[in-house]
């Protein structure tokens, strides 16, 4: 029998860090929780991936206000989201948007 599902942590206030940076082929990426200040860099990363027309539904970068609203909404809702930062550029992300 599977036990009860543990409570979801408050991701917006969780003190979150990785013990070791992610290393790929000599490069180092820092995984971190985004803030509102990361919204523009996040928007640019989404735009680059969108242009590939393979992995996400968007085919271009979202409007700046929409990207900021999305990041802030994830933070305020406690939705898990992290970004991969390499030399000040967001090179990847992961977000889980729960439905109400």
Protein backbone atom coordinates (compact mmCIF):
# COMPACT_ATOMS: atom_id res chain seq x y z
CA UNK A 1 0.00 0.00 0.00
CA UNK A 2 1.25 3.44 -0.90
CA UNK A 3 1.30 5.95 1.96
CA UNK A 4 -0.22 9.43 1.85
CA UNK A 5 1.18 11.96 -0.57
CA UNK A 6 3.47 14.38 1.29
CA UNK A 7 2.52 18.03 1.42
CA UNK A 8 3.88 20.15 -1.42
CA UNK A 9 6.56 22.54 -0.17
CA UNK A 10 6.12 26.26 -0.59
CA UNK A 11 8.47 26.64 -3.56
CA UNK A 12 8.31 30.43 -3.48
CA UNK A 13 10.00 30.59 -0.08
CA UNK A 14 11.98 27.36 -0.11
CA UNK A 15 15.71 27.80 0.47
CA UNK A 16 16.74 25.83 -2.59
CA UNK A 17 20.19 25.08 -3.86
CA UNK A 18 22.01 22.29 -5.61
CA UNK A 19 25.00 20.79 -3.84
CA UNK A 20 26.99 20.70 -7.07
CA UNK A 21 26.59 22.65 -10.32
CA UNK A 22 25.61 20.63 -13.35
CA UNK A 23 28.65 19.99 -15.54
CA UNK A 24 28.36 19.15 -19.21
CA UNK A 25 31.42 18.77 -21.48
CA UNK A 26 33.57 21.15 -19.46
CA UNK A 27 30.84 23.78 -19.09
CA UNK A 28 29.25 24.62 -15.77
CA UNK A 29 25.59 25.50 -15.34
CA UNK A 30 23.98 26.71 -12.15
CA UNK A 31 20.48 25.40 -11.51
CA UNK A 32 18.40 27.91 -9.55
CA UNK A 33 14.90 29.10 -8.86
CA UNK A 34 13.90 32.03 -11.07
CA UNK A 35 12.96 35.46 -9.84
CA UNK A 36 11.09 38.23 -11.59
CA UNK A 37 14.50 39.60 -12.64
CA UNK A 38 15.04 36.44 -14.73
CA UNK A 39 11.89 36.90 -16.82
CA UNK A 40 13.58 38.61 -19.79
CA UNK A 41 16.34 36.02 -20.03
CA UNK A 42 13.70 33.28 -19.67
CA UNK A 43 11.66 34.90 -22.46
CA UNK A 44 14.69 34.88 -24.76
CA UNK A 45 15.43 31.21 -24.04
CA UNK A 46 11.81 30.25 -24.75
CA UNK A 47 12.02 32.18 -28.03
CA UNK A 48 15.14 30.31 -29.15
CA UNK A 49 13.54 26.93 -28.42
CA UNK A 50 10.27 28.04 -30.00
CA UNK A 51 12.03 28.84 -33.26
CA UNK A 52 13.08 25.18 -33.48
CA UNK A 53 9.36 24.26 -33.72
CA UNK A 54 10.03 20.88 -32.12
CA UNK A 55 9.86 20.90 -28.34
CA UNK A 56 7.27 23.51 -27.36
CA UNK A 57 4.04 24.85 -28.79
CA UNK A 58 5.28 28.46 -29.04
CA UNK A 59 7.05 29.40 -32.25
CA UNK A 60 8.49 32.70 -31.02
CA UNK A 61 9.36 34.43 -27.77
CA UNK A 62 6.35 35.42 -25.69
CA UNK A 63 5.64 39.08 -25.05
CA UNK A 64 7.78 40.48 -22.21
CA UNK A 65 4.75 41.15 -20.00
CA UNK A 66 3.50 37.58 -20.54
CA UNK A 67 6.88 36.07 -19.64
CA UNK A 68 7.06 38.15 -16.46
CA UNK A 69 3.47 37.20 -15.57
CA UNK A 70 4.25 33.50 -16.12
CA UNK A 71 7.36 33.53 -13.90
CA UNK A 72 5.61 35.55 -11.19
CA UNK A 73 2.55 33.30 -11.34
CA UNK A 74 4.72 30.21 -10.83
CA UNK A 75 6.44 31.84 -7.87
CA UNK A 76 3.20 33.03 -6.27
CA UNK A 77 1.39 29.71 -6.91
CA UNK A 78 4.27 27.62 -5.64
CA UNK A 79 4.66 25.86 -8.98
CA UNK A 80 8.10 24.24 -9.25
CA UNK A 81 10.32 25.97 -11.80
CA UNK A 82 14.08 26.09 -12.20
CA UNK A 83 16.42 27.63 -14.74
CA UNK A 84 19.85 26.59 -15.96
CA UNK A 85 22.20 29.57 -16.04
CA UNK A 86 25.49 29.47 -17.93
CA UNK A 87 27.59 32.63 -17.84
CA UNK A 88 24.53 34.82 -17.30
CA UNK A 89 22.45 33.23 -20.05
CA UNK A 90 19.50 30.93 -19.45
CA UNK A 91 20.22 27.80 -21.43
CA UNK A 92 17.42 25.62 -20.13
CA UNK A 93 14.47 25.48 -17.79
CA UNK A 94 11.92 23.19 -16.26
CA UNK A 95 8.53 24.19 -14.95
CA UNK A 96 5.56 22.27 -13.64
CA UNK A 97 2.29 24.17 -13.83
CA UNK A 98 -0.39 22.50 -11.75
CA UNK A 99 -4.01 22.79 -12.78
CA UNK A 100 -6.57 23.90 -10.21
